[in-house]
Amino acid sequence: MFSRDEPDFHVITTSQAPQGMLADIRTLLHQSQLGMDDDIEYFVVALSGKRLIGCAGLVSNTIKCVAVAADWRGENLSARLLSEVENFAVQRGKFHLFLYTRPGNLERFRGCGFYPLVQWDNVAVLMENTPVGISHYCRSLRHHYHAGQRVGAVVMNANPFTLGHRYLAEQAAATCDWLHVFVVSEDVSYFPFQERLEMVRQGVADLPNVTVHAGSEYMISRATFPGYFLKEAGLVNQTWSVMDLLIFRQYIAPALGITHRFVGSEPFCPVTHQYNCDMHDWLETPSRSASKPLTVIELPRKRHAGGIAISASEVRALLKTRQLPRIRDIVPPSTYAHLEHHYSAEAPAETARSDELIISTTLC
């Protein structure tokens, strides 16, 4: 009987990979009809002698680009790769991991300890490495449950919190028994998450029927969404939208009794505009999910006296050029006080990622 030598497993940092290694990884992924996402920070690689026979990538808490050489399939190498990448993630303080893959691989990864969250037909499935993660999160949300015939939700990046965000929250709260405002938590924005969260909390503190939530890992970031298994580039944005909206409809909305999702119109960013369109489809259409449909309400953006829509990107541009007095007219007093205290002397460094790639369901 043919016997193989045990493969060796190594962790490599993509920015410091040995010469030729990234090219070998790309070749292996291509042989599995997969691409290679540019944002991967680390790879766990399996070597048989000097030959690359398997790889699994990691960025933040998302596993990507898992591939095994054809002649090594059936040897349990996928499970060993995932075990190695999970151990490495734990060493870096990442215990809760996600994995996106084709639905045809669902059973393969289920056997490796991953559990499906949502699936879009034959396009994509999102999995996590715990059978109780989403149920625990929903249980924590129920502590903030408020009964009502009309319970609303807004998801915002608030980068920073402007009078446009305030207008959206105020208008939504005025028509709801209760409003839940979620602030996207991933730190790939101009302003750090804790600052954005505090600006939102201060900016709506006078609204008596509003709860502000720190966004969770279950609000999917466009910044790290994988596209390696999607052949069409245009399908990446759509798949991100579908996964994010299905999680909201199937888990978050039922936990809080949410009946309506509010969003500001989007005249500037094409990615966010398309997300708004997808929201109407995936949250309102009964056949899109077994979960109860929601009503999506798209409100016109608040505008300057001159008719131009207020945007957070305008605030950031003014801040970068140190035109702080001009910001006063487009942000709430609480936001202006924050900017004046923290940023009057020096503008914050721009993030390396485009704001167009941040999950931003309204007003960026």
Protein backbone atom coordinates (compact mmCIF):
# COMPACT_ATOMS: atom_id res chain seq x y z
CA MET A 1 0.00 0.00 0.00
CA PHE A 2 1.29 3.43 -0.99
CA SER A 3 2.36 5.53 1.99
CA ARG A 4 2.80 9.31 1.97
CA ASP A 5 5.12 11.33 4.11
CA GLU A 6 3.38 13.55 6.63
CA PRO A 7 2.98 17.08 5.26
CA ASP A 8 4.63 19.98 7.03
CA PHE A 9 2.51 22.98 8.00
CA HIS A 10 3.84 26.54 8.14
CA VAL A 11 2.34 29.99 8.71
CA ILE A 12 3.55 32.68 6.34
CA THR A 13 2.90 36.40 6.37
CA THR A 14 1.89 37.46 2.87
CA SER A 15 3.98 40.63 3.03
CA GLN A 16 7.07 38.58 3.92
CA ALA A 17 6.42 35.37 1.98
CA PRO A 18 9.41 33.39 0.71
CA GLN A 19 10.27 33.99 -2.93
CA GLY A 20 7.91 32.17 -5.24
CA MET A 21 5.49 31.10 -2.49
CA LEU A 22 2.66 33.49 -3.38
CA ALA A 23 2.98 32.48 -7.03
CA ASP A 24 2.67 28.81 -6.01
CA ILE A 25 -0.40 29.64 -3.91
CA ARG A 26 -2.02 31.43 -6.83
CA THR A 27 -1.32 28.44 -9.06
CA LEU A 28 -2.85 26.03 -6.55
CA LEU A 29 -5.92 28.23 -6.15
CA HIS A 30 -6.26 28.53 -9.92
CA GLN A 31 -6.17 24.74 -10.25
CA SER A 32 -9.15 24.68 -7.87
CA GLN A 33 -10.92 27.39 -9.93
CA LEU A 34 -10.36 29.93 -7.18
CA GLY A 35 -8.83 33.38 -7.16
CA MET A 36 -6.68 35.01 -4.49
CA ASP A 37 -8.05 37.96 -2.51
CA ASP A 38 -5.58 40.81 -2.10
CA ASP A 39 -6.26 41.47 1.59
CA ILE A 40 -5.11 38.14 3.03
CA GLU A 41 -2.70 38.73 5.89
CA TYR A 42 -1.54 35.16 6.56
CA PHE A 43 -1.53 31.77 4.89
CA VAL A 44 -1.21 28.38 6.49
CA VAL A 45 0.52 26.23 3.88
CA ALA A 46 0.98 22.48 3.71
CA LEU A 47 4.16 21.21 2.07
CA SER A 48 5.15 17.76 0.93
CA GLY A 49 8.88 18.14 0.67
CA LYS A 50 9.21 21.42 -1.22
CA ARG A 51 5.90 21.08 -3.02
CA LEU A 52 2.88 23.16 -1.98
CA ILE A 53 -0.09 20.82 -1.55
CA GLY A 54 -2.55 22.94 0.44
CA CYS A 55 -3.27 26.44 1.68
CA ALA A 56 -5.74 28.38 3.81
CA GLY A 57 -5.76 32.17 4.14
CA LEU A 58 -6.75 34.35 7.08
CA VAL A 59 -7.73 38.03 7.26
CA SER A 60 -9.03 39.27 10.59
CA ASN A 61 -11.49 36.51 11.61
CA THR A 62 -12.36 35.31 8.11
CA ILE A 63 -10.84 32.20 6.53
CA LYS A 64 -10.39 32.44 2.76
CA CYS A 65 -8.75 30.68 -0.15
CA VAL A 66 -8.75 27.09 1.11
CA ALA A 67 -7.38 24.74 -1.54
CA VAL A 68 -5.84 21.26 -1.69
CA ALA A 69 -3.87 19.71 -4.55
CA ALA A 70 -5.98 17.25 -6.55
CA ASP A 71 -3.83 14.21 -5.70
CA TRP A 72 -4.08 14.99 -1.96
CA ARG A 73 -7.86 15.25 -1.78
CA GLY A 74 -9.48 12.59 0.32
CA GLU A 75 -6.52 12.61 2.73
CA ASN A 76 -8.28 14.83 5.32
CA LEU A 77 -5.89 17.64 4.44
CA SER A 78 -8.66 20.29 4.37
CA ALA A 79 -9.57 19.50 7.97
CA ARG A 80 -5.94 19.69 9.05
CA LEU A 81 -5.43 23.00 7.25
CA LEU A 82 -8.50 24.47 8.95
CA SER A 83 -7.37 23.15 12.31
CA GLU A 84 -3.97 24.79 11.83
CA VAL A 85 -5.43 28.13 10.74
CA GLU A 86 -7.89 28.07 13.67
CA ASN A 87 -5.04 27.41 16.12
CA PHE A 88 -3.10 30.30 14.64
CA ALA A 89 -6.15 32.59 14.84
CA VAL A 90 -6.64 31.69 18.51
CA GLN A 91 -3.03 32.65 19.18
CA ARG A 92 -3.88 36.06 17.73
CA GLY A 93 -6.98 36.38 19.92
CA LYS A 94 -9.48 35.47 17.19
CA PHE A 95 -11.76 32.74 18.52
CA HIS A 96 -14.88 33.29 16.42
CA LEU A 97 -14.18 32.58 12.76
CA PHE A 98 -16.19 32.81 9.56
CA LEU A 99 -15.79 31.03 6.25
CA TYR A 100 -17.44 31.75 2.89
CA THR A 101 -17.55 29.06 0.25
CA ARG A 102 -19.55 27.56 -2.56
CA PRO A 103 -22.60 25.59 -1.43
CA GLY A 104 -21.08 22.50 -3.01
CA ASN A 105 -18.41 22.57 -0.30
CA LEU A 106 -20.87 22.89 2.58
CA GLU A 107 -20.68 19.29 3.77
CA ARG A 108 -16.91 19.25 3.42
CA PHE A 109 -16.53 22.21 5.76
CA ARG A 110 -19.32 21.06 8.05
CA GLY A 111 -17.19 18.01 8.66
CA CYS A 112 -14.38 20.37 9.70
CA GLY A 113 -16.43 21.97 12.46
CA PHE A 114 -18.10 24.84 10.60
CA TYR A 115 -21.85 25.49 10.67
CA PRO A 116 -23.97 27.24 8.02
CA LEU A 117 -25.57 30.61 8.80
CA VAL A 118 -27.09 31.73 5.49
CA GLN A 119 -27.01 30.49 1.92
CA TRP A 120 -27.84 32.13 -1.37
CA ASP A 121 -29.01 29.43 -3.78
CA ASN A 122 -25.98 27.86 -5.47
CA VAL A 123 -23.86 31.00 -5.23
CA ALA A 124 -22.48 31.21 -1.69
CA VAL A 125 -22.84 30.01 1.87
CA LEU A 126 -21.58 31.69 5.06
CA MET A 127 -20.40 29.42 7.88
CA GLU A 128 -19.03 29.96 11.40
CA ASN A 129 -16.93 27.73 13.66
CA THR A 130 -19.54 27.34 16.38
CA PRO A 131 -23.07 25.90 16.40
CA VAL A 132 -24.27 28.45 18.96
CA GLY A 133 -22.67 31.75 17.91
CA ILE A 134 -25.66 33.32 16.20
CA SER A 135 -28.11 32.07 18.84
CA HIS A 136 -26.00 33.60 21.62
CA TYR A 137 -25.89 36.90 19.74
CA CYS A 138 -29.65 36.91 19.22
CA ARG A 139 -30.15 36.14 22.91
CA SER A 140 -28.05 39.19 23.80
CA LEU A 141 -30.14 41.35 21.46
CA ARG A 142 -33.37 40.27 23.13
CA HIS A 143 -32.30 42.12 26.27
CA HIS A 144 -33.01 45.29 24.24
CA TYR A 145 -36.39 44.13 22.91
CA HIS A 146 -39.20 46.72 22.93
CA ALA A 147 -42.70 45.68 21.94
CA GLY A 148 -44.54 47.71 19.35
CA GLN A 149 -46.56 47.57 16.16
CA ARG A 150 -43.83 49.44 14.30
CA VAL A 151 -40.25 48.79 15.37
CA GLY A 152 -37.56 50.28 13.15
CA ALA A 153 -33.87 49.82 12.47
CA VAL A 154 -31.12 51.93 10.93
CA VAL A 155 -27.59 50.67 10.18
CA MET A 156 -24.97 53.38 9.79
CA ASN A 157 -21.23 53.84 9.59
CA ALA A 158 -21.44 57.46 10.86
CA ASN A 159 -17.98 58.41 9.69
CA PRO A 160 -18.60 60.89 11.34
CA PHE A 161 -22.17 61.42 12.60
CA THR A 162 -23.68 64.33 10.63
CA LEU A 163 -26.97 66.22 10.56
CA GLY A 164 -27.88 63.81 7.76
CA HIS A 165 -27.58 60.84 10.13
CA ARG A 166 -29.43 62.79 12.80
CA TYR A 167 -32.25 63.59 10.37
CA LEU A 168 -32.61 59.94 9.38
CA ALA A 169 -32.70 58.75 13.01
CA GLU A 170 -35.10 61.52 14.03
CA GLN A 171 -37.51 60.90 11.17
CA ALA A 172 -37.47 57.14 11.71
CA ALA A 173 -37.94 57.42 15.48
CA ALA A 174 -40.90 59.78 14.99
CA THR A 175 -42.81 57.10 13.06
CA CYS A 176 -41.86 54.11 15.23
CA ASP A 177 -42.73 52.79 18.66
CA TRP A 178 -39.02 52.05 19.00
CA LEU A 179 -35.94 52.48 16.84
CA HIS A 180 -32.73 50.42 16.93
CA VAL A 181 -29.63 52.13 15.52
CA PHE A 182 -26.67 49.88 14.70
CA VAL A 183 -23.20 51.37 14.27
CA VAL A 184 -20.90 49.30 12.05
CA SER A 185 -18.07 48.12 14.28
CA GLU A 186 -15.24 47.28 11.91
CA ASP A 187 -12.29 49.65 12.29
CA VAL A 188 -11.53 50.44 8.65
CA SER A 189 -13.06 53.90 8.70
CA TYR A 190 -11.59 57.41 8.94
CA PHE A 191 -12.75 57.61 12.56
CA PRO A 192 -12.20 54.66 14.96
CA PHE A 193 -15.27 52.65 15.90
CA GLN A 194 -15.42 53.77 19.53
CA GLU A 195 -15.41 57.41 18.44
CA ARG A 196 -18.15 56.81 15.88
CA LEU A 197 -20.24 54.90 18.42
CA GLU A 198 -19.91 57.70 20.98
CA MET A 199 -20.78 60.37 18.40
CA VAL A 200 -23.96 58.47 17.50
CA ARG A 201 -24.93 57.96 21.14
CA GLN A 202 -24.47 61.64 21.94
CA GLY A 203 -26.18 62.69 18.72
CA VAL A 204 -29.43 60.82 19.48
CA ALA A 205 -29.35 61.03 23.28
CA ASP A 206 -32.44 63.25 23.35
CA LEU A 207 -34.59 60.78 21.38
CA PRO A 208 -36.45 58.78 24.05
CA ASN A 209 -37.35 55.75 21.94
CA VAL A 210 -33.93 54.91 20.46
CA THR A 211 -31.42 52.21 21.37
CA VAL A 212 -27.91 52.50 19.90
CA HIS A 213 -26.17 49.16 19.35
CA ALA A 214 -22.52 48.46 18.70
CA GLY A 215 -22.50 46.54 15.44
CA SER A 216 -21.40 42.92 15.58
CA GLU A 217 -19.46 40.47 13.45
CA TYR A 218 -22.80 39.42 11.99
CA MET A 219 -23.06 42.73 10.14
CA ILE A 220 -20.83 41.80 7.27
CA SER A 221 -18.08 44.18 6.21
CA ARG A 222 -17.64 44.84 2.52
CA ALA A 223 -14.01 45.62 3.29
CA THR A 224 -13.12 42.00 4.04
CA PHE A 225 -15.81 40.19 2.06
CA PRO A 226 -14.15 37.44 0.02
CA GLY A 227 -14.50 37.21 -3.72
CA TYR A 228 -12.01 34.44 -4.38
CA PHE A 229 -14.67 31.80 -5.17
CA LEU A 230 -16.85 34.11 -7.30
CA LYS A 231 -15.84 34.13 -10.95
CA GLU A 232 -17.67 37.34 -11.90
CA ALA A 233 -16.37 40.54 -10.30
CA GLY A 234 -19.85 42.08 -10.33
CA LEU A 235 -21.15 39.16 -8.30
CA VAL A 236 -18.97 40.03 -5.29
CA ASN A 237 -20.92 43.14 -4.28
CA GLN A 238 -24.24 41.43 -4.84
CA THR A 239 -23.24 38.38 -2.80
CA TRP A 240 -22.04 40.61 0.05
CA SER A 241 -25.41 42.40 0.04
CA VAL A 242 -27.38 39.16 0.04
CA MET A 243 -25.41 37.57 2.89
CA ASP A 244 -25.67 40.70 5.03
CA LEU A 245 -29.38 41.22 4.39
CA LEU A 246 -30.31 37.57 4.95
CA ILE A 247 -28.59 37.60 8.34
CA PHE A 248 -30.51 40.75 9.24
CA ARG A 249 -33.86 39.34 8.09
CA GLN A 250 -33.45 35.83 9.49
CA TYR A 251 -31.76 36.56 12.82
CA ILE A 252 -31.41 40.19 13.89
CA ALA A 253 -34.89 41.45 12.97
CA PRO A 254 -36.79 38.58 14.67
CA ALA A 255 -34.70 38.91 17.85
CA LEU A 256 -35.73 42.56 18.26
CA GLY A 257 -39.17 42.42 16.64
CA ILE A 258 -38.02 44.79 13.88
CA THR A 259 -40.70 45.47 11.28
CA HIS A 260 -39.16 48.35 9.30
CA ARG A 261 -35.67 49.16 7.99
CA PHE A 262 -34.93 52.83 7.30
CA VAL A 263 -32.26 54.06 4.93
CA GLY A 264 -31.23 57.37 3.43
CA SER A 265 -31.28 57.82 -0.33
CA GLU A 266 -27.83 57.56 -1.91
CA PRO A 267 -26.98 60.08 -4.66
CA PHE A 268 -23.17 59.73 -4.45
CA CYS A 269 -21.89 56.18 -3.88
CA PRO A 270 -22.94 53.56 -6.49
CA VAL A 271 -22.11 50.65 -4.15
CA THR A 272 -24.38 52.01 -1.42
CA HIS A 273 -27.10 52.87 -3.95
CA GLN A 274 -27.11 49.29 -5.19
CA TYR A 275 -27.21 48.05 -1.58
CA ASN A 276 -30.35 50.13 -1.05
CA CYS A 277 -31.93 48.48 -4.10
CA ASP A 278 -30.93 45.03 -2.83
CA MET A 279 -32.44 45.91 0.54
CA HIS A 280 -35.88 46.36 -1.01
CA ASP A 281 -35.55 43.02 -2.80
CA TRP A 282 -34.09 40.82 -0.05
CA LEU A 283 -35.93 42.25 2.93
CA GLU A 284 -39.36 42.86 1.39
CA THR A 285 -39.86 39.96 -1.04
CA PRO A 286 -41.64 37.06 0.76
CA SER A 287 -40.02 34.36 -1.40
CA ARG A 288 -36.45 35.47 -0.58
CA SER A 289 -36.59 33.90 2.88
CA ALA A 290 -38.83 31.84 5.14
CA SER A 291 -38.51 34.64 7.69
CA LYS A 292 -41.10 37.39 7.90
CA PRO A 293 -40.59 40.20 5.36
CA LEU A 294 -39.72 43.72 6.50
CA THR A 295 -40.81 47.06 5.10
CA VAL A 296 -37.96 49.18 3.73
CA ILE A 297 -38.42 52.95 3.90
CA GLU A 298 -35.99 55.08 1.92
CA LEU A 299 -35.94 58.70 3.08
CA PRO A 300 -34.60 61.63 1.04
CA ARG A 301 -31.26 62.93 2.24
CA LYS A 302 -31.11 66.09 4.33
CA ARG A 303 -29.63 68.88 2.25
CA HIS A 304 -27.73 72.14 2.59
CA ALA A 305 -29.56 75.38 2.01
CA GLY A 306 -28.13 75.26 -1.50
CA GLY A 307 -29.76 71.89 -2.17
CA ILE A 308 -26.69 69.62 -1.98
CA ALA A 309 -27.10 66.49 0.14
CA ILE A 310 -25.13 66.46 3.39
CA SER A 311 -22.52 63.70 3.51
CA ALA A 312 -19.90 62.45 5.94
CA SER A 313 -17.33 62.52 3.13
CA GLU A 314 -17.79 66.30 2.94
CA VAL A 315 -17.00 66.57 6.66
CA ARG A 316 -13.87 64.48 6.22
CA ALA A 317 -12.72 66.63 3.29
CA LEU A 318 -13.20 69.83 5.28
CA LEU A 319 -11.41 68.34 8.26
CA LYS A 320 -8.43 67.30 6.14
CA THR A 321 -8.08 70.86 4.90
CA ARG A 322 -8.63 72.18 8.45
CA GLN A 323 -11.77 74.10 7.59
CA LEU A 324 -13.37 73.28 10.92
CA PRO A 325 -15.71 76.33 11.10
CA ARG A 326 -17.47 75.22 7.89
CA ILE A 327 -18.23 71.84 9.49
CA ARG A 328 -20.39 73.44 12.18
CA ASP A 329 -23.36 73.80 9.80
CA ILE A 330 -23.52 70.12 8.81
CA VAL A 331 -22.96 68.20 12.06
CA PRO A 332 -24.80 68.18 15.41
CA PRO A 333 -23.26 70.22 18.25
CA SER A 334 -22.08 67.02 19.96
CA THR A 335 -20.15 65.92 16.86
CA TYR A 336 -18.67 69.38 16.38
CA ALA A 337 -17.50 69.43 20.01
CA HIS A 338 -15.83 66.05 19.48
CA LEU A 339 -14.07 67.16 16.30
CA GLU A 340 -12.99 70.45 17.82
CA HIS A 341 -11.56 68.70 20.88
CA HIS A 342 -9.78 65.85 19.09
CA TYR A 343 -9.01 67.09 15.58
CA SER A 344 -8.76 70.86 15.54
CA ALA A 345 -4.95 70.82 15.49
CA GLU A 346 -4.31 67.87 13.24
CA ALA A 347 -6.52 65.95 10.82
CA PRO A 348 -6.65 62.15 11.27
CA ALA A 349 -4.72 59.97 8.83
CA GLU A 350 -6.72 58.62 5.93
CA THR A 351 -7.43 54.90 6.01
CA ALA A 352 -5.79 52.72 3.40
CA ARG A 353 -9.18 51.32 2.38
CA SER A 354 -11.72 53.19 0.31
CA ASP A 355 -14.89 54.23 2.11
CA GLU A 356 -16.71 52.76 -0.87
CA LEU A 357 -15.63 49.34 0.42
CA ILE A 358 -17.02 49.82 3.91
CA ILE A 359 -20.39 48.37 4.72
CA SER A 360 -22.30 51.63 4.80
CA THR A 361 -26.01 51.29 4.41
CA THR A 362 -26.60 55.00 4.76
CA LEU A 363 -24.74 58.28 4.52
CA CYS A 364 -21.26 56.69 4.88
